[in-house]
Structure formats: structure tokens, C-alpha cells
Amino acid sequence: MAASTSSAGEAVTMRLANGKTISWPATVAGKIEEGLYKVGLLERAAEATDRDLNLLEKQVEAMTADVGFELQLNDYCYDLEHMRKARQEFRFRSLSEVEERSLGQIRDLASSAIEDYKTRVGPVPAYDNPISLFSDTIPLELPESLAMAIALPSASHHK
């Protein structure tokens, strides 16, 4: 702002960059210089504060990420603990003699039912889809009442 300053007693003259000169009392000039100095201090303090705020924002972001990671880890540990408890509670244990005997009877019954089906209906087809009672692909031996109901014409066909 000022190109040069000279003081002549009580008055201060300042030459501006555009060539104009301004004069004022020395006390006013001192106050202006003091004000300019304080403005410079405030500008430097504002820059330092901005830098500190940016650093704090980065620290907060890092802390937020850490807290998020800790929460995920806590959830993961909670899930692992539940899985461990479930494994302990439902771990395979050997069957008792009664259970072994019952399982053998169920297997024997299933085998005899399959053999009976083979002798009366035919070979058991390989079929991976859900079985429908009304499917033509797998011949099912229906109970007599259901077979009669299917054989009867429906009420919608009656006049």
C-alpha cells in the first residue's frame, strides 16, 4: 500500500503506489502501523487455525474408520461366539442303543416299502423335483378313495 514513509515532526507523509501522498499526525500513523501488524498476526493465526482444523478433521476421519472397524470386529466376534455355542450345543453325539435300534427299524421299513413298490408298480424312477400326486411321470399308488375321486368327472363337467 505504501511505497515510502517519511516523518516531519508531528506529521507523517506516505506516498502510495499510484503516486499520491497522504499526510496525517504521527499518533494516527502509529495506530495504523499497529493495526496492520495486528491484522497480519490475525491472518497468520487464521492460517494456522485452518491447518490445525484440517489435521483434526483427518484425525476424526481416521478415528471414525477405526470405530467402524472395531464395531465390525465386535459383530464378527459376537457371531463367532454364537456359532461356537451352537456347535457345542448341537455337536453330534453317539446314538443310544434305543436310537440305533429305531434307526435300523426305520431303514428296514423304508427298504421294504421300496421293494414292495417295485414289485407292485415298477422300478423307482430317479426324480429330483417335488412329487405331485397328479404327475404322469411317476406312477403313484393312490389310496382307494383318492383314486376314485380322481376317476370321477368333476362337477364342472356335469350339465
Protein backbone atom coordinates (compact mmCIF):
# COMPACT_ATOMS: atom_id res chain seq x y z
CA MET A 1 0.00 0.00 0.00
CA ALA A 2 2.68 2.46 0.98
CA ALA A 3 5.73 2.96 -1.13
CA SER A 4 7.64 5.13 1.33
CA THR A 5 7.04 6.82 4.66
CA SER A 6 8.75 9.93 6.00
CA SER A 7 8.08 11.84 9.15
CA ALA A 8 8.50 15.55 9.54
CA GLY A 9 7.93 16.40 13.18
CA GLU A 10 4.38 15.67 14.17
CA ALA A 11 3.07 14.78 10.68
CA VAL A 12 3.65 11.62 8.70
CA THR A 13 3.54 11.56 4.94
CA MET A 14 3.02 8.39 2.99
CA ARG A 15 3.44 8.00 -0.73
CA LEU A 16 1.09 5.46 -2.31
CA ALA A 17 1.88 3.19 -5.25
CA ASN A 18 -0.22 5.32 -7.61
CA GLY A 19 1.93 8.39 -6.81
CA LYS A 20 -0.43 10.18 -4.41
CA THR A 21 0.79 11.21 -0.98
CA ILE A 22 -1.19 11.21 2.24
CA SER A 23 -0.30 13.09 5.46
CA TRP A 24 -1.64 12.55 8.98
CA PRO A 25 -0.44 13.04 12.55
CA ALA A 26 2.26 10.69 13.90
CA THR A 27 -0.07 9.17 16.50
CA VAL A 28 -2.51 8.12 13.79
CA ALA A 29 0.35 6.65 11.76
CA GLY A 30 1.49 4.64 14.78
CA LYS A 31 -2.01 3.33 15.31
CA ILE A 32 -2.28 2.36 11.63
CA GLU A 33 1.02 0.51 11.76
CA GLU A 34 -0.05 -1.22 14.97
CA GLY A 35 -3.38 -2.16 13.34
CA LEU A 36 -1.59 -3.51 10.24
CA TYR A 37 0.70 -5.55 12.48
CA LYS A 38 -2.29 -6.99 14.40
CA VAL A 39 -4.11 -7.78 11.14
CA GLY A 40 -1.01 -9.67 9.97
CA LEU A 41 -0.91 -11.58 13.26
CA LEU A 42 -4.61 -12.45 12.90
CA GLU A 43 -4.10 -13.62 9.30
CA ARG A 44 -1.22 -15.88 10.36
CA ALA A 45 -3.27 -17.19 13.30
CA ALA A 46 -6.19 -17.89 10.93
CA GLU A 47 -3.90 -19.83 8.58
CA ALA A 48 -2.51 -21.84 11.50
CA THR A 49 -6.04 -22.48 12.76
CA ASP A 50 -7.12 -23.68 9.30
CA ARG A 51 -4.16 -26.07 9.19
CA ASP A 52 -4.98 -27.35 12.68
CA LEU A 53 -8.65 -27.82 11.73
CA ASN A 54 -7.67 -29.80 8.63
CA LEU A 55 -5.43 -32.02 10.74
CA LEU A 56 -8.20 -32.51 13.30
CA GLU A 57 -10.69 -33.40 10.54
CA LYS A 58 -8.27 -36.03 9.23
CA GLN A 59 -7.81 -37.41 12.76
CA VAL A 60 -11.59 -37.56 13.25
CA GLU A 61 -11.98 -39.40 9.92
CA ALA A 62 -9.30 -41.89 10.95
CA MET A 63 -10.91 -42.36 14.37
CA THR A 64 -14.33 -42.85 12.74
CA ALA A 65 -12.86 -45.50 10.45
CA ASP A 66 -11.24 -47.20 13.47
CA VAL A 67 -14.52 -47.17 15.40
CA GLY A 68 -16.34 -48.61 12.37
CA PHE A 69 -13.73 -51.32 12.09
CA GLU A 70 -14.00 -52.07 15.82
CA LEU A 71 -17.80 -52.33 15.54
CA GLN A 72 -17.49 -54.73 12.60
CA LEU A 73 -14.93 -56.76 14.52
CA ASN A 74 -17.22 -56.81 17.56
CA ASP A 75 -20.14 -58.04 15.42
CA TYR A 76 -17.90 -60.68 13.86
CA CYS A 77 -16.73 -61.88 17.29
CA TYR A 78 -20.34 -61.92 18.51
CA ASP A 79 -21.33 -64.07 15.50
CA LEU A 80 -18.36 -66.38 16.07
CA GLU A 81 -19.31 -66.80 19.72
CA HIS A 82 -22.87 -67.73 18.74
CA MET A 83 -21.55 -70.19 16.16
CA ARG A 84 -19.27 -71.75 18.77
CA LYS A 85 -22.15 -72.09 21.24
CA ALA A 86 -24.39 -73.60 18.57
CA ARG A 87 -21.71 -76.13 17.64
CA GLN A 88 -21.26 -77.09 21.28
CA GLU A 89 -24.99 -77.47 21.84
CA PHE A 90 -25.71 -79.37 18.64
CA ARG A 91 -22.48 -81.32 18.29
CA PHE A 92 -23.02 -84.84 17.01
CA ARG A 93 -23.07 -87.31 19.82
CA SER A 94 -23.24 -91.05 19.52
CA LEU A 95 -26.71 -92.58 19.43
CA SER A 96 -28.02 -94.65 22.28
CA GLU A 97 -28.88 -98.31 21.74
CA VAL A 98 -32.58 -97.50 21.57
CA GLU A 99 -31.95 -94.79 18.97
CA GLU A 100 -29.73 -97.15 16.94
CA ARG A 101 -32.44 -99.84 17.04
CA SER A 102 -35.14 -97.34 15.99
CA LEU A 103 -32.98 -96.03 13.15
CA GLY A 104 -32.40 -99.58 11.94
CA GLN A 105 -36.14 -100.26 12.03
CA ILE A 106 -36.81 -97.09 10.01
CA ARG A 107 -34.20 -98.12 7.41
CA ASP A 108 -35.67 -101.63 7.20
CA LEU A 109 -39.19 -100.23 6.81
CA ALA A 110 -38.05 -97.85 4.05
CA SER A 111 -36.23 -100.66 2.23
CA SER A 112 -39.24 -102.96 2.40
CA ALA A 113 -41.55 -100.15 1.20
CA ILE A 114 -39.28 -99.54 -1.80
CA GLU A 115 -39.14 -103.25 -2.61
CA ASP A 116 -42.92 -103.52 -2.29
CA TYR A 117 -43.33 -100.51 -4.63
CA LYS A 118 -41.00 -102.12 -7.17
CA THR A 119 -42.99 -105.36 -7.18
CA ARG A 120 -46.44 -103.74 -7.46
CA VAL A 121 -45.81 -100.56 -9.55
CA GLY A 122 -42.44 -100.96 -11.23
CA PRO A 123 -38.93 -99.57 -10.89
CA VAL A 124 -38.50 -96.47 -8.78
CA PRO A 125 -37.79 -93.57 -11.16
CA ALA A 126 -34.99 -91.09 -10.49
CA TYR A 127 -36.75 -87.82 -9.86
CA ASP A 128 -35.27 -84.71 -8.25
CA ASN A 129 -38.27 -82.37 -8.38
CA PRO A 130 -41.14 -82.19 -5.89
CA ILE A 131 -43.58 -85.04 -6.43
CA SER A 132 -47.14 -84.20 -7.37
CA LEU A 133 -49.96 -86.65 -6.74
CA PHE A 134 -51.27 -85.87 -10.21
CA SER A 135 -47.94 -86.30 -12.03
CA ASP A 136 -47.87 -88.63 -15.03
CA THR A 137 -44.11 -89.10 -14.86
CA ILE A 138 -44.10 -91.02 -11.58
CA PRO A 139 -46.81 -93.63 -11.08
CA LEU A 140 -48.04 -93.29 -7.53
CA GLU A 141 -50.20 -95.82 -5.83
CA LEU A 142 -53.03 -93.64 -4.56
CA PRO A 143 -55.34 -94.54 -1.69
CA GLU A 144 -58.58 -96.04 -2.98
CA SER A 145 -60.76 -93.04 -2.01
CA LEU A 146 -58.44 -90.57 -3.75
CA ALA A 147 -58.16 -92.78 -6.84
CA MET A 148 -61.97 -92.92 -7.07
CA ALA A 149 -62.25 -89.14 -6.64
CA ILE A 150 -59.79 -88.55 -9.48
CA ALA A 151 -61.58 -91.05 -11.72
CA LEU A 152 -64.96 -89.35 -11.26
CA PRO A 153 -65.73 -86.48 -13.63
CA SER A 154 -65.69 -83.13 -11.84
CA ALA A 155 -68.86 -81.21 -11.04
CA SER A 156 -67.96 -78.60 -13.67
CA HIS A 157 -68.31 -81.29 -16.38
CA HIS A 158 -71.90 -82.11 -15.32
CA LYS A 159 -74.74 -80.35 -17.03
